[in-house]
């Protein structure tokens, strides 16, 4: 989960359906996993994106959003947002940054979501 620097705490409340112990790890944005050639999951994720001339083949099994942030985690440019299943290409920015995959374009969309997949290819 990406928490902007202006926030000083994390609260988890209501709508949590996961049974068992939770582990919350807070890391600096510079420690985000690299996007790499291909990624898929069933929950929100944030990746380090190296920049360059890339397209991404994107698949969402349900609603999904991809947002690009600057390297320091500021700003936020919505690259794609769909309320239902989606499959198709998107152009990625040339500048490096942080690429966030979530269920919606706001922070309330973090957590479990339908299966999604991103595969990079040169533009």
Protein backbone atom coordinates (compact mmCIF):
# COMPACT_ATOMS: atom_id res chain seq x y z
CA UNK A 1 0.00 0.00 0.00
CA UNK A 2 1.22 3.50 -0.78
CA UNK A 3 0.64 6.02 1.99
CA UNK A 4 1.41 9.63 1.04
CA UNK A 5 3.94 11.39 3.29
CA UNK A 6 1.34 13.84 4.65
CA UNK A 7 -0.35 10.98 6.58
CA UNK A 8 1.11 9.89 9.91
CA UNK A 9 -0.94 6.78 10.69
CA UNK A 10 -2.69 3.77 9.16
CA UNK A 11 -6.12 2.58 10.30
CA UNK A 12 -7.72 -0.68 9.16
CA UNK A 13 -11.46 -0.78 9.73
CA UNK A 14 -14.69 -2.31 8.46
CA UNK A 15 -15.03 -4.52 5.41
CA UNK A 16 -12.03 -6.65 6.35
CA UNK A 17 -12.81 -10.28 5.49
CA UNK A 18 -9.41 -11.89 6.04
CA UNK A 19 -9.20 -14.38 8.89
CA UNK A 20 -5.92 -14.80 10.75
CA UNK A 21 -2.91 -12.69 11.59
CA UNK A 22 -2.04 -9.55 9.65
CA UNK A 23 1.42 -8.21 8.95
CA UNK A 24 1.87 -4.59 7.94
CA UNK A 25 5.28 -3.58 6.62
CA UNK A 26 6.02 0.09 5.94
CA UNK A 27 8.84 0.69 3.48
CA UNK A 28 10.31 3.70 1.75
CA UNK A 29 9.03 4.16 -1.83
CA UNK A 30 12.60 3.60 -3.06
CA UNK A 31 12.21 -0.03 -1.94
CA UNK A 32 9.21 -0.81 -4.20
CA UNK A 33 9.54 -4.01 -6.24
CA UNK A 34 10.45 -3.48 -9.90
CA UNK A 35 7.66 -3.87 -12.45
CA UNK A 36 9.74 -6.24 -14.60
CA UNK A 37 8.44 -7.93 -17.76
CA UNK A 38 5.15 -9.22 -16.36
CA UNK A 39 3.20 -9.12 -13.11
CA UNK A 40 -0.15 -10.47 -11.95
CA UNK A 41 -1.99 -10.64 -8.64
CA UNK A 42 -5.40 -10.53 -6.97
CA UNK A 43 -4.66 -7.52 -4.76
CA UNK A 44 -3.42 -3.93 -5.11
CA UNK A 45 0.29 -3.48 -5.70
CA UNK A 46 2.81 -0.70 -6.30
CA UNK A 47 5.91 -1.12 -8.47
CA UNK A 48 9.00 0.84 -9.37
CA UNK A 49 8.90 1.68 -13.09
CA UNK A 50 12.24 2.47 -14.83
CA UNK A 51 10.76 4.64 -17.59
CA UNK A 52 11.52 4.36 -21.28
CA UNK A 53 9.50 3.55 -24.36
CA UNK A 54 7.09 0.88 -23.12
CA UNK A 55 3.54 -0.24 -23.69
CA UNK A 56 1.74 -2.52 -21.29
CA UNK A 57 -0.77 -5.20 -22.18
CA UNK A 58 -3.26 -4.95 -19.32
CA UNK A 59 -5.96 -7.37 -18.22
CA UNK A 60 -8.42 -6.78 -15.38
CA UNK A 61 -10.82 -9.57 -14.34
CA UNK A 62 -13.06 -6.85 -12.88
CA UNK A 63 -12.78 -3.17 -12.04
CA UNK A 64 -9.24 -1.85 -12.00
CA UNK A 65 -7.08 1.23 -12.22
CA UNK A 66 -3.42 1.99 -12.98
CA UNK A 67 -1.97 5.23 -11.63
CA UNK A 68 1.54 6.61 -12.17
CA UNK A 69 3.29 8.60 -9.41
CA UNK A 70 6.61 10.42 -9.47
CA UNK A 71 9.65 8.65 -8.00
CA UNK A 72 9.13 10.40 -4.65
CA UNK A 73 5.48 9.24 -4.53
CA UNK A 74 3.93 12.63 -5.24
CA UNK A 75 1.40 13.56 -7.89
CA UNK A 76 -0.66 10.89 -9.57
CA UNK A 77 -1.63 10.42 -13.20
CA UNK A 78 -4.47 8.01 -13.90
CA UNK A 79 -3.35 5.89 -16.88
CA UNK A 80 -6.43 3.68 -17.07
CA UNK A 81 -9.56 3.04 -15.03
CA UNK A 82 -12.36 0.58 -15.84
CA UNK A 83 -15.46 -0.40 -13.90
CA UNK A 84 -15.58 -3.89 -15.41
CA UNK A 85 -13.38 -6.45 -17.16
CA UNK A 86 -10.78 -4.97 -19.49
CA UNK A 87 -8.08 -6.25 -21.81
CA UNK A 88 -5.92 -4.05 -24.03
CA UNK A 89 -2.73 -2.02 -24.42
CA UNK A 90 -1.80 1.25 -22.69
CA UNK A 91 1.18 3.55 -23.23
CA UNK A 92 3.38 4.09 -20.19
CA UNK A 93 5.14 7.42 -19.48
CA UNK A 94 8.77 7.82 -20.54
CA UNK A 95 9.80 9.11 -17.10
CA UNK A 96 10.55 6.68 -14.25
CA UNK A 97 8.15 6.54 -11.33
CA UNK A 98 5.88 4.37 -9.26
CA UNK A 99 3.10 2.41 -10.94
CA UNK A 100 0.13 1.57 -8.69
CA UNK A 101 -2.48 -1.07 -9.56
CA UNK A 102 -5.69 -0.81 -7.55
CA UNK A 103 -9.41 -1.49 -7.74
CA UNK A 104 -10.27 2.23 -8.10
CA UNK A 105 -8.44 5.50 -8.58
CA UNK A 106 -8.69 6.55 -4.93
CA UNK A 107 -6.97 5.11 -1.86
CA UNK A 108 -10.17 3.32 -0.84
CA UNK A 109 -9.59 0.91 -3.73
CA UNK A 110 -6.57 -0.76 -2.07
CA UNK A 111 -6.75 -4.39 -1.06
CA UNK A 112 -8.27 -7.48 -2.62
CA UNK A 113 -9.49 -7.26 -6.21
CA UNK A 114 -10.13 -9.46 -9.22
CA UNK A 115 -7.12 -11.00 -10.94
CA UNK A 116 -5.12 -8.52 -12.99
CA UNK A 117 -2.07 -8.84 -15.25
CA UNK A 118 0.44 -6.41 -16.78
CA UNK A 119 2.97 -7.43 -19.42
CA UNK A 120 5.49 -4.91 -20.78
CA UNK A 121 6.58 -4.69 -24.41
CA UNK A 122 8.67 -2.11 -26.28
CA UNK A 123 6.72 0.70 -27.93
